[in-house]
Amino acid sequence: MDRATGEPVRRYEHLHPGDLLHVDVKKLGNIPDGGGWRYVGRARGEKNRAATPGKPRNTHHNPKMGTCFGHTVFVHTVLDGHSRIAYAEIHDDETAATAIAVLRNAVAWFDTRDLTVRRVLSDNGSAYRSHAWRDACTELGITAKPTRPYRPQTNSEGVITFVPGPA
């Protein structure tokens, strides 16, 4: 059930494992000990931020938040559209070279589970629009499909967030 509307969630599922993989990148930053301001309010959040030890300091001597020890963390996710089996890797960037390495690792990982990948669905991020991404997909025998622009519901974030897998 959709929490907001109470309507049943319409879930799509591909007929066979490997028919379509969803790939995406999620940027993550640090949350101060005790919670960030969006959860506990501005006053408490600022106190938590100031009290969080071990964080690098900016030029104003305040702890840097939203980064992980000076850099953003990128979680690359790969999700099978049939079985909802997920593969993820954490990296320091979201470049095409990293996205291609994650795809190669994911395809090998799915292959060890007897899952042959046929297509991959991605958003229109620069890593997935590159010629290197297209060439890597061709080399792996995978058809690359982009989502419609400004439609995140069709990619893995929407699937992971709103549609739980089978029990």
N, C-alpha and C. Protein backbone atom coordinates (compact mmCIF):
# COMPACT_ATOMS: atom_id res chain seq x y z
N MET A 1 0.84 -1.18 0.00
CA MET A 1 0.00 0.00 0.00
C MET A 1 0.88 1.25 0.00
N ASP A 2 0.49 2.22 -0.77
CA ASP A 2 1.19 3.50 -0.76
C ASP A 2 0.80 4.26 0.49
N ARG A 3 1.80 4.70 1.26
CA ARG A 3 1.51 5.38 2.52
C ARG A 3 0.73 6.67 2.32
N ALA A 4 1.06 7.40 1.29
CA ALA A 4 0.43 8.71 1.09
C ALA A 4 -1.02 8.60 0.65
N THR A 5 -1.31 7.70 -0.29
CA THR A 5 -2.65 7.62 -0.86
C THR A 5 -3.47 6.45 -0.36
N GLY A 6 -2.83 5.43 0.19
CA GLY A 6 -3.55 4.24 0.61
C GLY A 6 -3.90 3.30 -0.53
N GLU A 7 -3.47 3.66 -1.74
CA GLU A 7 -3.73 2.84 -2.92
C GLU A 7 -2.72 1.71 -3.01
N PRO A 8 -3.11 0.58 -3.62
CA PRO A 8 -2.13 -0.49 -3.82
C PRO A 8 -1.02 -0.02 -4.76
N VAL A 9 0.20 -0.42 -4.47
CA VAL A 9 1.33 -0.08 -5.32
C VAL A 9 1.30 -0.98 -6.54
N ARG A 10 1.38 -0.36 -7.72
CA ARG A 10 1.44 -1.15 -8.95
C ARG A 10 2.88 -1.50 -9.22
N ARG A 11 3.22 -2.74 -9.06
CA ARG A 11 4.60 -3.18 -9.21
C ARG A 11 4.76 -3.89 -10.55
N TYR A 12 5.79 -3.51 -11.26
CA TYR A 12 6.09 -4.24 -12.48
C TYR A 12 7.19 -5.23 -12.16
N GLU A 13 7.22 -6.28 -12.92
CA GLU A 13 8.25 -7.29 -12.73
C GLU A 13 8.55 -7.90 -14.09
N HIS A 14 9.81 -7.97 -14.44
CA HIS A 14 10.18 -8.58 -15.70
C HIS A 14 10.04 -10.09 -15.60
N LEU A 15 9.80 -10.73 -16.74
CA LEU A 15 9.49 -12.16 -16.75
C LEU A 15 10.64 -13.04 -16.30
N HIS A 16 11.86 -12.66 -16.62
CA HIS A 16 13.01 -13.51 -16.32
C HIS A 16 14.09 -12.71 -15.59
N PRO A 17 14.81 -13.37 -14.69
CA PRO A 17 15.94 -12.69 -14.05
C PRO A 17 16.97 -12.27 -15.10
N GLY A 18 17.48 -11.05 -14.96
CA GLY A 18 18.48 -10.54 -15.89
C GLY A 18 17.91 -9.82 -17.08
N ASP A 19 16.57 -9.86 -17.26
CA ASP A 19 15.97 -9.14 -18.39
C ASP A 19 16.30 -7.65 -18.34
N LEU A 20 16.27 -7.08 -17.14
CA LEU A 20 16.56 -5.66 -17.00
C LEU A 20 17.19 -5.38 -15.65
N LEU A 21 18.38 -4.79 -15.67
CA LEU A 21 19.02 -4.32 -14.45
C LEU A 21 18.82 -2.81 -14.35
N HIS A 22 18.57 -2.32 -13.15
CA HIS A 22 18.49 -0.89 -12.89
C HIS A 22 19.80 -0.47 -12.25
N VAL A 23 20.43 0.58 -12.75
CA VAL A 23 21.66 1.09 -12.14
C VAL A 23 21.44 2.55 -11.75
N ASP A 24 22.02 2.92 -10.63
CA ASP A 24 21.92 4.30 -10.18
C ASP A 24 23.01 4.58 -9.16
N VAL A 25 23.20 5.85 -8.84
CA VAL A 25 24.18 6.28 -7.85
C VAL A 25 23.47 7.14 -6.82
N LYS A 26 23.77 6.89 -5.57
CA LYS A 26 23.22 7.69 -4.47
C LYS A 26 24.37 8.36 -3.75
N LYS A 27 24.28 9.68 -3.57
CA LYS A 27 25.30 10.42 -2.83
C LYS A 27 24.92 10.43 -1.36
N LEU A 28 25.89 10.12 -0.51
CA LEU A 28 25.64 10.13 0.93
C LEU A 28 26.65 11.01 1.63
N GLY A 29 26.21 11.67 2.66
CA GLY A 29 27.09 12.48 3.49
C GLY A 29 26.95 12.06 4.93
N ASN A 30 27.75 12.66 5.80
CA ASN A 30 27.69 12.34 7.22
C ASN A 30 26.51 13.00 7.89
N ILE A 31 25.99 12.34 8.87
CA ILE A 31 24.96 12.91 9.74
C ILE A 31 25.61 13.06 11.10
N PRO A 32 25.48 14.21 11.74
CA PRO A 32 26.13 14.39 13.04
C PRO A 32 25.61 13.41 14.08
N ASP A 33 26.45 13.09 15.06
CA ASP A 33 26.02 12.24 16.17
C ASP A 33 24.81 12.90 16.83
N GLY A 34 23.73 12.15 17.03
CA GLY A 34 22.52 12.70 17.64
C GLY A 34 21.48 13.13 16.62
N GLY A 35 21.84 13.20 15.35
CA GLY A 35 20.89 13.55 14.30
C GLY A 35 21.15 14.90 13.69
N GLY A 36 20.76 15.04 12.45
CA GLY A 36 20.91 16.30 11.73
C GLY A 36 19.73 17.22 11.97
N TRP A 37 19.85 18.45 11.48
CA TRP A 37 18.84 19.47 11.76
C TRP A 37 17.48 19.14 11.16
N ARG A 38 17.44 18.40 10.08
CA ARG A 38 16.14 18.07 9.47
C ARG A 38 15.34 17.11 10.34
N TYR A 39 16.03 16.36 11.16
CA TYR A 39 15.36 15.38 12.01
C TYR A 39 15.06 15.95 13.40
N VAL A 40 16.01 16.67 13.98
CA VAL A 40 15.85 17.13 15.36
C VAL A 40 15.58 18.63 15.47
N GLY A 41 15.53 19.36 14.36
CA GLY A 41 15.31 20.80 14.40
C GLY A 41 16.62 21.55 14.29
N ARG A 42 16.54 22.81 13.92
CA ARG A 42 17.75 23.59 13.65
C ARG A 42 18.62 23.79 14.89
N ALA A 43 18.01 24.18 15.99
CA ALA A 43 18.81 24.48 17.19
C ALA A 43 19.56 23.25 17.67
N ARG A 44 18.84 22.13 17.83
CA ARG A 44 19.48 20.89 18.30
C ARG A 44 20.46 20.36 17.25
N GLY A 45 20.11 20.47 15.98
CA GLY A 45 20.99 20.01 14.91
C GLY A 45 22.31 20.75 14.88
N GLU A 46 22.27 22.06 15.10
CA GLU A 46 23.51 22.83 15.15
C GLU A 46 24.37 22.43 16.35
N LYS A 47 23.74 22.16 17.49
CA LYS A 47 24.49 21.69 18.67
C LYS A 47 25.12 20.34 18.39
N ASN A 48 24.38 19.44 17.75
CA ASN A 48 24.92 18.12 17.41
C ASN A 48 26.09 18.26 16.44
N ARG A 49 25.95 19.16 15.49
CA ARG A 49 27.01 19.36 14.49
C ARG A 49 28.29 19.85 15.16
N ALA A 50 28.15 20.81 16.06
CA ALA A 50 29.31 21.37 16.74
C ALA A 50 29.96 20.36 17.67
N ALA A 51 29.15 19.46 18.23
CA ALA A 51 29.67 18.51 19.22
C ALA A 51 30.21 17.22 18.60
N THR A 52 30.03 17.03 17.29
CA THR A 52 30.48 15.79 16.66
C THR A 52 32.00 15.81 16.53
N PRO A 53 32.68 14.90 17.24
CA PRO A 53 34.15 14.91 17.21
C PRO A 53 34.71 14.24 15.96
N GLY A 54 35.97 14.53 15.68
CA GLY A 54 36.70 13.81 14.64
C GLY A 54 36.40 14.25 13.23
N LYS A 55 35.69 15.34 13.04
CA LYS A 55 35.39 15.81 11.70
C LYS A 55 36.41 16.85 11.27
N PRO A 56 36.78 16.85 9.99
CA PRO A 56 37.65 17.91 9.51
C PRO A 56 36.94 19.26 9.67
N ARG A 57 37.70 20.32 9.80
CA ARG A 57 37.14 21.65 10.01
C ARG A 57 37.27 22.48 8.74
N ASN A 58 36.28 23.36 8.52
CA ASN A 58 36.37 24.26 7.39
C ASN A 58 37.15 25.52 7.79
N THR A 59 37.18 26.53 6.93
CA THR A 59 37.97 27.73 7.21
C THR A 59 37.44 28.52 8.40
N HIS A 60 36.18 28.28 8.78
CA HIS A 60 35.60 28.97 9.94
C HIS A 60 35.69 28.11 11.20
N HIS A 61 36.45 27.04 11.15
CA HIS A 61 36.67 26.10 12.26
C HIS A 61 35.41 25.34 12.66
N ASN A 62 34.44 25.25 11.75
CA ASN A 62 33.25 24.45 12.00
C ASN A 62 33.46 23.07 11.39
N PRO A 63 32.88 22.02 12.00
CA PRO A 63 33.04 20.70 11.41
C PRO A 63 32.36 20.63 10.04
N LYS A 64 33.01 19.96 9.10
CA LYS A 64 32.43 19.78 7.78
C LYS A 64 31.38 18.67 7.86
N MET A 65 30.17 18.99 7.47
CA MET A 65 29.11 17.99 7.43
C MET A 65 28.70 17.80 5.97
N GLY A 66 28.05 16.71 5.69
CA GLY A 66 27.63 16.43 4.33
C GLY A 66 28.73 15.79 3.52
N THR A 67 29.87 15.57 4.13
CA THR A 67 30.95 14.86 3.47
C THR A 67 31.50 13.81 4.42
N CYS A 68 32.15 12.85 3.89
CA CYS A 68 32.73 11.78 4.70
C CYS A 68 34.23 12.01 4.76
N PHE A 69 34.70 12.62 5.83
CA PHE A 69 36.12 12.91 6.02
C PHE A 69 36.70 13.64 4.81
N GLY A 70 35.98 14.67 4.38
CA GLY A 70 36.49 15.52 3.32
C GLY A 70 36.04 15.15 1.92
N HIS A 71 35.28 14.08 1.75
CA HIS A 71 34.79 13.74 0.42
C HIS A 71 33.41 13.09 0.51
N THR A 72 32.65 13.21 -0.56
CA THR A 72 31.32 12.63 -0.64
C THR A 72 31.44 11.15 -0.95
N VAL A 73 30.53 10.37 -0.41
CA VAL A 73 30.49 8.93 -0.66
C VAL A 73 29.40 8.66 -1.70
N PHE A 74 29.71 7.85 -2.69
CA PHE A 74 28.76 7.50 -3.74
C PHE A 74 28.48 6.00 -3.68
N VAL A 75 27.22 5.64 -3.50
CA VAL A 75 26.82 4.24 -3.47
C VAL A 75 26.26 3.90 -4.85
N HIS A 76 26.96 3.05 -5.58
CA HIS A 76 26.51 2.59 -6.89
C HIS A 76 25.67 1.34 -6.68
N THR A 77 24.41 1.38 -7.13
CA THR A 77 23.50 0.25 -6.93
C THR A 77 23.11 -0.36 -8.27
N VAL A 78 22.98 -1.68 -8.27
CA VAL A 78 22.53 -2.42 -9.44
C VAL A 78 21.46 -3.39 -8.95
N LEU A 79 20.28 -3.32 -9.54
CA LEU A 79 19.13 -4.08 -9.05
C LEU A 79 18.50 -4.86 -10.20
N ASP A 80 18.23 -6.14 -9.99
CA ASP A 80 17.57 -6.96 -11.00
C ASP A 80 16.06 -6.67 -10.96
N GLY A 81 15.47 -6.42 -12.12
CA GLY A 81 14.06 -6.06 -12.21
C GLY A 81 13.10 -7.20 -12.00
N HIS A 82 13.55 -8.43 -11.94
CA HIS A 82 12.67 -9.57 -11.70
C HIS A 82 12.77 -10.05 -10.26
N SER A 83 13.97 -10.43 -9.86
CA SER A 83 14.16 -11.03 -8.54
C SER A 83 14.37 -10.01 -7.44
N ARG A 84 14.67 -8.74 -7.79
CA ARG A 84 14.97 -7.66 -6.85
C ARG A 84 16.26 -7.91 -6.08
N ILE A 85 17.12 -8.78 -6.62
CA ILE A 85 18.44 -8.98 -6.02
C ILE A 85 19.27 -7.74 -6.31
N ALA A 86 19.93 -7.22 -5.29
CA ALA A 86 20.68 -5.98 -5.44
C ALA A 86 22.17 -6.21 -5.24
N TYR A 87 22.96 -5.44 -5.97
CA TYR A 87 24.41 -5.41 -5.84
C TYR A 87 24.79 -3.95 -5.65
N ALA A 88 25.68 -3.68 -4.71
CA ALA A 88 26.09 -2.29 -4.46
C ALA A 88 27.57 -2.21 -4.15
N GLU A 89 28.16 -1.09 -4.54
CA GLU A 89 29.55 -0.78 -4.22
C GLU A 89 29.63 0.68 -3.79
N ILE A 90 30.54 0.97 -2.87
CA ILE A 90 30.77 2.34 -2.41
C ILE A 90 32.07 2.85 -3.01
N HIS A 91 32.00 4.04 -3.61
CA HIS A 91 33.16 4.66 -4.25
C HIS A 91 33.25 6.13 -3.89
N ASP A 92 34.35 6.76 -4.27
CA ASP A 92 34.58 8.17 -4.00
C ASP A 92 34.12 9.07 -5.13
N ASP A 93 33.63 8.51 -6.24
CA ASP A 93 33.19 9.33 -7.36
C ASP A 93 32.08 8.64 -8.13
N GLU A 94 31.54 9.36 -9.10
CA GLU A 94 30.50 8.80 -9.96
C GLU A 94 30.87 8.99 -11.43
N THR A 95 32.13 8.79 -11.74
CA THR A 95 32.61 8.95 -13.11
C THR A 95 32.20 7.74 -13.95
N ALA A 96 32.33 7.90 -15.25
CA ALA A 96 31.98 6.82 -16.17
C ALA A 96 32.87 5.60 -15.92
N ALA A 97 34.16 5.83 -15.65
CA ALA A 97 35.07 4.70 -15.41
C ALA A 97 34.63 3.90 -14.19
N THR A 98 34.22 4.58 -13.14
CA THR A 98 33.75 3.88 -11.94
C THR A 98 32.44 3.16 -12.21
N ALA A 99 31.51 3.81 -12.91
CA ALA A 99 30.22 3.19 -13.24
C ALA A 99 30.42 1.94 -14.09
N ILE A 100 31.37 1.99 -15.02
CA ILE A 100 31.65 0.84 -15.87
C ILE A 100 32.26 -0.30 -15.04
N ALA A 101 33.18 0.04 -14.14
CA ALA A 101 33.77 -0.99 -13.28
C ALA A 101 32.71 -1.64 -12.41
N VAL A 102 31.79 -0.85 -11.88
CA VAL A 102 30.70 -1.41 -11.06
C VAL A 102 29.82 -2.32 -11.91
N LEU A 103 29.50 -1.89 -13.13
CA LEU A 103 28.68 -2.72 -14.02
C LEU A 103 29.38 -4.05 -14.32
N ARG A 104 30.67 -4.00 -14.64
CA ARG A 104 31.41 -5.24 -14.91
C ARG A 104 31.41 -6.16 -13.69
N ASN A 105 31.64 -5.60 -12.51
CA ASN A 105 31.63 -6.40 -11.28
C ASN A 105 30.25 -6.97 -11.01
N ALA A 106 29.22 -6.17 -11.24
CA ALA A 106 27.85 -6.63 -11.00
C ALA A 106 27.47 -7.75 -11.97
N VAL A 107 27.83 -7.59 -13.24
CA VAL A 107 27.52 -8.64 -14.22
C VAL A 107 28.22 -9.94 -13.85
N ALA A 108 29.47 -9.85 -13.42
CA ALA A 108 30.20 -11.05 -12.98
C ALA A 108 29.55 -11.65 -11.74
N TRP A 109 29.13 -10.79 -10.81
CA TRP A 109 28.48 -11.25 -9.57
C TRP A 109 27.15 -11.94 -9.88
N PHE A 110 26.35 -11.33 -10.76
CA PHE A 110 25.07 -11.96 -11.16
C PHE A 110 25.32 -13.25 -11.92
N ASP A 111 26.40 -13.30 -12.72
CA ASP A 111 26.72 -14.51 -13.48
C ASP A 111 27.01 -15.69 -12.56
N THR A 112 27.67 -15.43 -11.42
CA THR A 112 27.94 -16.51 -10.48
C THR A 112 26.65 -17.06 -9.87
N ARG A 113 25.57 -16.32 -10.01
CA ARG A 113 24.26 -16.75 -9.51
C ARG A 113 23.36 -17.20 -10.66
N ASP A 114 23.97 -17.57 -11.78
CA ASP A 114 23.26 -18.06 -12.98
C ASP A 114 22.22 -17.08 -13.49
N LEU A 115 22.55 -15.81 -13.48
CA LEU A 115 21.66 -14.77 -13.97
C LEU A 115 22.35 -14.06 -15.12
N THR A 116 21.84 -14.21 -16.32
CA THR A 116 22.43 -13.60 -17.50
C THR A 116 21.77 -12.24 -17.75
N VAL A 117 22.57 -11.20 -17.81
CA VAL A 117 22.07 -9.84 -17.98
C VAL A 117 21.86 -9.54 -19.45
N ARG A 118 20.66 -9.03 -19.79
CA ARG A 118 20.35 -8.70 -21.17
C ARG A 118 20.31 -7.18 -21.41
N ARG A 119 19.67 -6.44 -20.47
CA ARG A 119 19.52 -4.99 -20.64
C ARG A 119 19.84 -4.29 -19.32
N VAL A 120 20.22 -3.02 -19.43
CA VAL A 120 20.48 -2.22 -18.24
C VAL A 120 19.79 -0.87 -18.42
N LEU A 121 19.06 -0.46 -17.39
CA LEU A 121 18.32 0.80 -17.39
C LEU A 121 19.02 1.77 -16.47
N SER A 122 19.29 2.97 -16.97
CA SER A 122 19.97 3.98 -16.15
C SER A 122 19.31 5.33 -16.37
N ASP A 123 19.58 6.25 -15.44
CA ASP A 123 19.12 7.61 -15.63
C ASP A 123 20.01 8.29 -16.67
N ASN A 124 19.85 9.58 -16.81
CA ASN A 124 20.60 10.30 -17.83
C ASN A 124 21.79 11.04 -17.26
N GLY A 125 22.40 10.48 -16.21
CA GLY A 125 23.61 11.06 -15.65
C GLY A 125 24.75 10.98 -16.63
N SER A 126 25.75 11.84 -16.45
CA SER A 126 26.83 11.93 -17.42
C SER A 126 27.59 10.62 -17.57
N ALA A 127 27.72 9.85 -16.49
CA ALA A 127 28.43 8.57 -16.59
C ALA A 127 27.71 7.60 -17.51
N TYR A 128 26.37 7.66 -17.52
CA TYR A 128 25.58 6.72 -18.31
C TYR A 128 25.30 7.22 -19.72
N ARG A 129 25.63 8.46 -20.01
CA ARG A 129 25.48 9.00 -21.36
C ARG A 129 26.78 8.93 -22.15
N SER A 130 27.86 8.52 -21.51
CA SER A 130 29.17 8.54 -22.15
C SER A 130 29.32 7.44 -23.20
N HIS A 131 30.23 7.69 -24.12
CA HIS A 131 30.53 6.68 -25.14
C HIS A 131 31.19 5.46 -24.49
N ALA A 132 31.96 5.69 -23.44
CA ALA A 132 32.62 4.57 -22.75
C ALA A 132 31.58 3.63 -22.15
N TRP A 133 30.50 4.19 -21.58
CA TRP A 133 29.42 3.36 -21.01
C TRP A 133 28.76 2.54 -22.12
N ARG A 134 28.44 3.22 -23.23
CA ARG A 134 27.82 2.53 -24.36
C ARG A 134 28.71 1.41 -24.88
N ASP A 135 30.01 1.69 -25.01
CA ASP A 135 30.95 0.69 -25.52
C ASP A 135 31.10 -0.48 -24.55
N ALA A 136 31.12 -0.20 -23.25
CA ALA A 136 31.23 -1.27 -22.25
C ALA A 136 29.99 -2.16 -22.28
N CYS A 137 28.82 -1.56 -22.42
CA CYS A 137 27.59 -2.36 -22.51
C CYS A 137 27.61 -3.24 -23.75
N THR A 138 28.04 -2.69 -24.87
CA THR A 138 28.15 -3.46 -26.11
C THR A 138 29.12 -4.62 -25.93
N GLU A 139 30.26 -4.34 -25.31
CA GLU A 139 31.27 -5.38 -25.07
C GLU A 139 30.73 -6.50 -24.19
N LEU A 140 29.89 -6.15 -23.22
CA LEU A 140 29.30 -7.15 -22.32
C LEU A 140 28.08 -7.84 -22.91
N GLY A 141 27.64 -7.39 -24.09
CA GLY A 141 26.46 -7.97 -24.73
C GLY A 141 25.16 -7.52 -24.08
N ILE A 142 25.16 -6.30 -23.54
CA ILE A 142 24.01 -5.75 -22.85
C ILE A 142 23.47 -4.57 -23.64
N THR A 143 22.15 -4.46 -23.73
CA THR A 143 21.52 -3.31 -24.35
C THR A 143 21.33 -2.24 -23.28
N ALA A 144 21.88 -1.05 -23.52
CA ALA A 144 21.74 0.06 -22.57
C ALA A 144 20.48 0.84 -22.91
N LYS A 145 19.66 1.11 -21.88
CA LYS A 145 18.44 1.88 -22.05
C LYS A 145 18.44 3.05 -21.07
N PRO A 146 18.23 4.26 -21.54
CA PRO A 146 18.10 5.39 -20.60
C PRO A 146 16.64 5.57 -20.19
N THR A 147 16.42 6.15 -19.02
CA THR A 147 15.06 6.49 -18.60
C THR A 147 14.65 7.78 -19.30
N ARG A 148 13.37 8.07 -19.24
CA ARG A 148 12.90 9.36 -19.73
C ARG A 148 13.45 10.44 -18.80
N PRO A 149 13.87 11.57 -19.34
CA PRO A 149 14.38 12.63 -18.47
C PRO A 149 13.35 13.06 -17.43
N TYR A 150 13.84 13.34 -16.23
CA TYR A 150 13.03 13.82 -15.11
C TYR A 150 11.95 12.82 -14.68
N ARG A 151 12.24 11.52 -14.81
CA ARG A 151 11.31 10.48 -14.36
C ARG A 151 12.05 9.49 -13.46
N PRO A 152 12.45 9.89 -12.25
CA PRO A 152 13.21 8.99 -11.37
C PRO A 152 12.40 7.79 -10.91
N GLN A 153 11.07 7.85 -11.06
CA GLN A 153 10.24 6.73 -10.63
C GLN A 153 10.56 5.45 -11.39
N THR A 154 11.09 5.57 -12.60
CA THR A 154 11.34 4.38 -13.41
C THR A 154 12.71 3.76 -13.15
N ASN A 155 13.54 4.40 -12.34
CA ASN A 155 14.86 3.85 -12.10
C ASN A 155 14.94 3.22 -10.72
N SER A 156 16.11 2.74 -10.35
CA SER A 156 16.26 1.91 -9.16
C SER A 156 15.92 2.62 -7.86
N GLU A 157 16.12 3.93 -7.75
CA GLU A 157 15.81 4.60 -6.48
C GLU A 157 14.34 4.43 -6.16
N GLY A 158 13.47 4.64 -7.15
CA GLY A 158 12.04 4.47 -6.91
C GLY A 158 11.70 3.03 -6.60
N VAL A 159 12.34 2.09 -7.28
CA VAL A 159 12.05 0.68 -7.04
C VAL A 159 12.50 0.27 -5.65
N ILE A 160 13.70 0.68 -5.25
CA ILE A 160 14.21 0.29 -3.94
C ILE A 160 13.43 0.97 -2.83
N THR A 161 13.09 2.22 -3.01
CA THR A 161 12.45 2.97 -1.95
C THR A 161 11.00 2.58 -1.75
N PHE A 162 10.26 2.42 -2.83
CA PHE A 162 8.82 2.29 -2.70
C PHE A 162 8.25 0.89 -2.94
N VAL A 163 9.02 0.00 -3.50
CA VAL A 163 8.48 -1.32 -3.82
C VAL A 163 9.32 -2.39 -3.15
N PRO A 164 8.85 -2.94 -2.03
CA PRO A 164 9.62 -4.00 -1.38
C PRO A 164 9.61 -5.27 -2.21
N GLY A 165 10.68 -6.01 -2.11
CA GLY A 165 10.79 -7.27 -2.84
C GLY A 165 9.93 -8.35 -2.21
N PRO A 166 9.83 -9.50 -2.85
CA PRO A 166 9.03 -10.59 -2.31
C PRO A 166 9.61 -11.10 -0.99
N ALA A 167 8.74 -11.55 -0.13
CA ALA A 167 9.16 -12.05 1.19
C ALA A 167 9.78 -13.41 1.11
